[in-house]
């Protein structure tokens, strides 16, 4: 195995990877030699752009549009990975939406939308991926958490509950598959310099978005570097952990 391609021969799915942190994760894994399925629910242009960034560097990637809240769509995404690359070794559950809504006026539909994408989606993707990892004798699951899931924030009860659930799911998977070759970890970004839509509070806005002690926002590539690390062969003894990448903003 070449040192500059430690993930050569590995196949990854990264959900919600049309832009921002998801795109950075795709590029980091592809640069390490992995073949990657790039996913989004609706942003086909963003997905195709991400794929192009990989293939222009002679990496391997395919686009696959799928709604992670649909059991059938998730199965189709995993099947696409198998058909294109012959296996599935790495799953990164990054897909999420981050809306703001005062708790007293939050509807059940608004609550369920967030839960369906962030938490149900992670469950469905992991459940579809695990059998193939078991067959291969090894696998890596990385779930992307949220800082406010640990610190709290106003008007984000649905997002915070979903992200807290992601931590619990990570621990459950880590224990259940600890002796079966599958690791599960959670990476929690701090305040990251990304484009955010109006539903998430406007471009670049983060709840409680004061400057971290390092004096700057993080970069998507810095989150991707931690995800890449957890996928490396040298990281097989790391499982069930919540890794905070936040410039000292939150110290558990």
Protein backbone atom coordinates (compact mmCIF):
# COMPACT_ATOMS: atom_id res chain seq x y z
CA UNK A 1 0.00 0.00 0.00
CA UNK A 2 1.48 3.33 -1.04
CA UNK A 3 1.91 5.80 1.80
CA UNK A 4 0.28 8.52 -0.29
CA UNK A 5 -2.78 6.35 -0.96
CA UNK A 6 -3.55 4.58 2.33
CA UNK A 7 -7.19 4.04 1.32
CA UNK A 8 -6.43 2.53 -2.08
CA UNK A 9 -8.94 -0.20 -2.86
CA UNK A 10 -11.48 1.15 -0.36
CA UNK A 11 -14.96 2.31 -1.32
CA UNK A 12 -16.79 5.11 0.50
CA UNK A 13 -20.24 6.68 0.51
CA UNK A 14 -20.45 10.27 1.76
CA UNK A 15 -24.00 11.53 2.16
CA UNK A 16 -24.79 15.21 1.72
CA UNK A 17 -21.56 15.79 -0.17
CA UNK A 18 -22.51 18.33 -2.84
CA UNK A 19 -20.69 21.15 -1.04
CA UNK A 20 -19.09 22.41 2.16
CA UNK A 21 -17.92 19.79 4.68
CA UNK A 22 -19.34 16.87 2.70
CA UNK A 23 -17.41 17.89 -0.41
CA UNK A 24 -14.21 18.34 1.61
CA UNK A 25 -14.63 14.82 3.02
CA UNK A 26 -15.06 13.37 -0.47
CA UNK A 27 -11.89 15.09 -1.65
CA UNK A 28 -9.89 13.96 1.39
CA UNK A 29 -10.93 10.33 0.99
CA UNK A 30 -10.38 10.37 -2.77
CA UNK A 31 -6.94 11.95 -2.33
CA UNK A 32 -6.13 9.05 0.00
CA UNK A 33 -7.06 6.58 -2.74
CA UNK A 34 -10.66 5.68 -1.97
CA UNK A 35 -13.38 5.45 -4.60
CA UNK A 36 -16.29 7.60 -3.49
CA UNK A 37 -20.02 7.76 -4.06
CA UNK A 38 -21.01 11.44 -3.93
CA UNK A 39 -24.56 11.96 -2.73
CA UNK A 40 -27.21 14.63 -2.32
CA UNK A 41 -30.97 14.71 -2.39
CA UNK A 42 -31.49 17.58 -4.86
CA UNK A 43 -28.28 19.49 -5.65
CA UNK A 44 -27.27 17.59 -8.77
CA UNK A 45 -25.06 20.42 -10.01
CA UNK A 46 -23.14 20.42 -6.74
CA UNK A 47 -22.76 16.65 -6.78
CA UNK A 48 -21.48 16.68 -10.36
CA UNK A 49 -19.04 19.44 -9.48
CA UNK A 50 -17.71 17.41 -6.56
CA UNK A 51 -17.30 14.36 -8.78
CA UNK A 52 -15.47 16.50 -11.34
CA UNK A 53 -13.04 17.75 -8.71
CA UNK A 54 -12.16 14.12 -7.95
CA UNK A 55 -11.92 12.81 -11.48
CA UNK A 56 -9.81 15.74 -12.69
CA UNK A 57 -7.17 14.52 -10.26
CA UNK A 58 -7.47 10.96 -11.61
CA UNK A 59 -9.53 9.88 -8.63
CA UNK A 60 -12.61 7.66 -8.78
CA UNK A 61 -16.06 8.96 -7.93
CA UNK A 62 -19.64 8.64 -9.10
CA UNK A 63 -22.68 10.80 -8.49
CA UNK A 64 -25.75 9.27 -6.93
CA UNK A 65 -28.84 11.29 -6.09
CA UNK A 66 -30.78 9.78 -3.20
CA UNK A 67 -32.98 10.87 -0.32
CA UNK A 68 -31.51 9.29 2.82
CA UNK A 69 -34.93 9.24 4.47
CA UNK A 70 -36.10 6.65 1.92
CA UNK A 71 -35.23 3.04 2.68
CA UNK A 72 -35.48 2.12 -1.00
CA UNK A 73 -33.32 5.06 -2.08
CA UNK A 74 -30.63 4.19 0.46
CA UNK A 75 -30.57 0.59 -0.74
CA UNK A 76 -30.23 1.89 -4.29
CA UNK A 77 -27.26 4.05 -3.26
CA UNK A 78 -25.47 1.12 -1.64
CA UNK A 79 -26.24 -1.04 -4.68
CA UNK A 80 -24.73 1.68 -6.88
CA UNK A 81 -21.52 1.61 -4.84
CA UNK A 82 -21.30 -2.15 -5.19
CA UNK A 83 -22.01 -2.03 -8.92
CA UNK A 84 -19.50 0.72 -9.63
CA UNK A 85 -16.67 -0.24 -7.30
CA UNK A 86 -17.31 -3.78 -6.07
CA UNK A 87 -17.71 -3.17 -2.36
CA UNK A 88 -18.37 -0.77 0.49
CA UNK A 89 -15.84 -0.08 3.24
CA UNK A 90 -16.55 3.43 4.52
CA UNK A 91 -19.80 5.24 5.29
CA UNK A 92 -19.83 8.92 6.25
CA UNK A 93 -23.24 10.10 7.44
CA UNK A 94 -23.07 13.83 6.77
CA UNK A 95 -26.52 14.61 5.34
CA UNK A 96 -28.47 17.03 7.54
CA UNK A 97 -30.51 20.19 7.50
CA UNK A 98 -30.18 22.89 10.15
CA UNK A 99 -33.30 24.95 10.53
CA UNK A 100 -34.30 27.50 13.12
CA UNK A 101 -37.69 27.53 14.80
CA UNK A 102 -38.88 28.76 18.18
CA UNK A 103 -39.77 25.73 20.27
CA UNK A 104 -43.27 26.85 21.23
CA UNK A 105 -44.26 27.21 17.57
CA UNK A 106 -42.38 24.16 16.27
CA UNK A 107 -44.71 21.73 14.54
CA UNK A 108 -44.44 17.97 14.66
CA UNK A 109 -43.78 18.01 10.92
CA UNK A 110 -40.82 20.37 11.41
CA UNK A 111 -39.48 18.16 14.20
CA UNK A 112 -39.83 15.02 12.13
CA UNK A 113 -38.19 16.56 9.04
CA UNK A 114 -34.95 17.14 10.92
CA UNK A 115 -35.06 13.76 12.66
CA UNK A 116 -35.77 11.96 9.40
CA UNK A 117 -32.74 13.37 7.60
CA UNK A 118 -30.11 13.56 10.33
CA UNK A 119 -30.99 10.57 12.52
CA UNK A 120 -33.25 8.25 10.54
CA UNK A 121 -31.01 8.79 7.51
CA UNK A 122 -27.91 7.75 9.48
CA UNK A 123 -29.76 4.67 10.73
CA UNK A 124 -30.94 3.64 7.27
CA UNK A 125 -27.53 4.17 5.68
CA UNK A 126 -25.68 2.30 8.42
CA UNK A 127 -28.15 -0.57 8.35
CA UNK A 128 -27.76 -0.89 4.58
CA UNK A 129 -23.96 -0.66 4.73
CA UNK A 130 -23.18 -2.95 7.66
CA UNK A 131 -23.95 -6.30 5.95
CA UNK A 132 -21.38 -5.52 3.25
CA UNK A 133 -18.81 -4.45 5.82
CA UNK A 134 -19.41 -7.66 7.76
CA UNK A 135 -18.91 -9.66 4.60
CA UNK A 136 -15.62 -7.86 3.98
CA UNK A 137 -14.55 -8.40 7.60
CA UNK A 138 -14.00 -4.69 8.24
CA UNK A 139 -15.63 -1.31 7.85
CA UNK A 140 -15.67 2.28 9.04
CA UNK A 141 -18.67 4.41 9.93
CA UNK A 142 -18.18 8.10 10.65
CA UNK A 143 -21.19 10.15 11.73
CA UNK A 144 -21.03 13.94 11.58
CA UNK A 145 -22.40 15.49 14.75
CA UNK A 146 -23.11 19.06 15.79
CA UNK A 147 -21.54 21.34 18.38
CA UNK A 148 -24.90 22.62 19.58
CA UNK A 149 -25.86 19.04 20.33
CA UNK A 150 -23.40 19.34 23.22
CA UNK A 151 -23.73 23.03 24.10
CA UNK A 152 -27.37 23.79 23.39
CA UNK A 153 -28.80 26.71 21.41
CA UNK A 154 -32.06 28.59 21.06
CA UNK A 155 -34.53 27.72 18.30
CA UNK A 156 -32.70 24.48 17.45
CA UNK A 157 -34.42 21.87 19.62
CA UNK A 158 -35.03 19.55 16.66
CA UNK A 159 -31.47 19.86 15.33
CA UNK A 160 -29.90 19.45 18.77
CA UNK A 161 -32.00 16.39 19.61
CA UNK A 162 -31.10 14.76 16.30
CA UNK A 163 -27.39 15.44 16.72
CA UNK A 164 -27.44 14.15 20.29
CA UNK A 165 -29.08 11.03 18.92
CA UNK A 166 -26.23 10.66 16.44
CA UNK A 167 -23.80 10.38 19.35
CA UNK A 168 -25.94 7.65 20.90
CA UNK A 169 -26.21 5.77 17.62
CA UNK A 170 -22.44 5.95 17.22
CA UNK A 171 -21.86 4.40 20.63
CA UNK A 172 -24.41 1.66 20.00
CA UNK A 173 -22.83 0.69 16.68
CA UNK A 174 -19.33 0.80 18.15
CA UNK A 175 -20.20 -1.68 20.89
CA UNK A 176 -22.33 -3.98 18.76
CA UNK A 177 -19.67 -4.37 16.07
CA UNK A 178 -16.49 -3.96 18.13
CA UNK A 179 -15.52 -7.61 17.64
CA UNK A 180 -16.69 -7.77 14.02
CA UNK A 181 -14.21 -5.40 12.43
CA UNK A 182 -16.43 -2.32 12.14
CA UNK A 183 -15.55 0.95 13.85
CA UNK A 184 -18.03 3.78 14.46
CA UNK A 185 -17.05 7.29 15.50
CA UNK A 186 -18.59 10.76 15.51
CA UNK A 187 -16.84 13.93 14.33
CA UNK A 188 -18.32 17.15 15.68
CA UNK A 189 -17.45 20.32 13.76
CA UNK A 190 -17.19 23.63 15.53
CA UNK A 191 -17.87 26.95 13.84
CA UNK A 192 -16.85 26.25 10.25
CA UNK A 193 -16.57 28.75 7.41
CA UNK A 194 -19.25 27.33 5.10
CA UNK A 195 -22.08 28.68 2.99
CA UNK A 196 -25.34 28.37 4.93
CA UNK A 197 -28.79 28.89 3.51
CA UNK A 198 -31.47 31.16 4.92
CA UNK A 199 -33.18 28.25 6.69
CA UNK A 200 -29.98 27.72 8.66
CA UNK A 201 -29.77 31.33 9.69
CA UNK A 202 -28.11 32.85 6.65
CA UNK A 203 -24.77 32.36 4.95
CA UNK A 204 -22.01 31.68 7.44
CA UNK A 205 -24.27 32.09 10.50
CA UNK A 206 -23.97 29.69 13.40
CA UNK A 207 -25.98 29.82 16.63
CA UNK A 208 -23.73 30.93 19.45
CA UNK A 209 -21.26 31.81 16.71
CA UNK A 210 -18.72 33.73 18.78
CA UNK A 211 -15.14 33.39 17.62
CA UNK A 212 -13.36 30.26 18.94
CA UNK A 213 -10.25 30.74 21.11
CA UNK A 214 -8.07 30.22 18.03
CA UNK A 215 -9.49 33.49 16.68
CA UNK A 216 -10.97 32.14 13.46
CA UNK A 217 -13.57 29.81 12.04
CA UNK A 218 -12.50 26.34 11.01
CA UNK A 219 -12.22 25.19 7.42
CA UNK A 220 -14.15 22.27 5.91
CA UNK A 221 -10.80 20.64 5.12
CA UNK A 222 -9.99 20.51 8.83
CA UNK A 223 -13.10 18.46 9.52
CA UNK A 224 -12.33 16.25 6.53
CA UNK A 225 -8.84 15.60 7.88
CA UNK A 226 -10.28 14.08 11.06
CA UNK A 227 -12.72 11.94 9.07
CA UNK A 228 -9.86 10.73 6.88
CA UNK A 229 -7.81 9.89 9.96
CA UNK A 230 -10.60 7.72 11.37
CA UNK A 231 -10.75 5.80 8.10
CA UNK A 232 -7.05 4.91 8.03
CA UNK A 233 -5.75 1.40 8.77
CA UNK A 234 -3.81 2.84 11.72
CA UNK A 235 -7.05 3.98 13.37
CA UNK A 236 -8.71 0.60 13.84
CA UNK A 237 -8.44 0.83 17.65
CA UNK A 238 -10.50 4.03 17.73
CA UNK A 239 -14.22 3.36 18.06
CA UNK A 240 -17.21 4.80 19.88
CA UNK A 241 -15.52 8.18 20.20
CA UNK A 242 -16.84 11.71 19.72
CA UNK A 243 -14.10 13.85 18.21
CA UNK A 244 -14.57 17.60 18.58
CA UNK A 245 -12.82 19.75 15.95
CA UNK A 246 -13.60 23.28 17.07
CA UNK A 247 -10.52 25.41 17.76
CA UNK A 248 -11.07 25.13 21.50
CA UNK A 249 -14.64 26.43 21.35
CA UNK A 250 -16.07 23.48 23.27
CA UNK A 251 -13.98 21.49 25.72
CA UNK A 252 -15.78 18.33 26.90
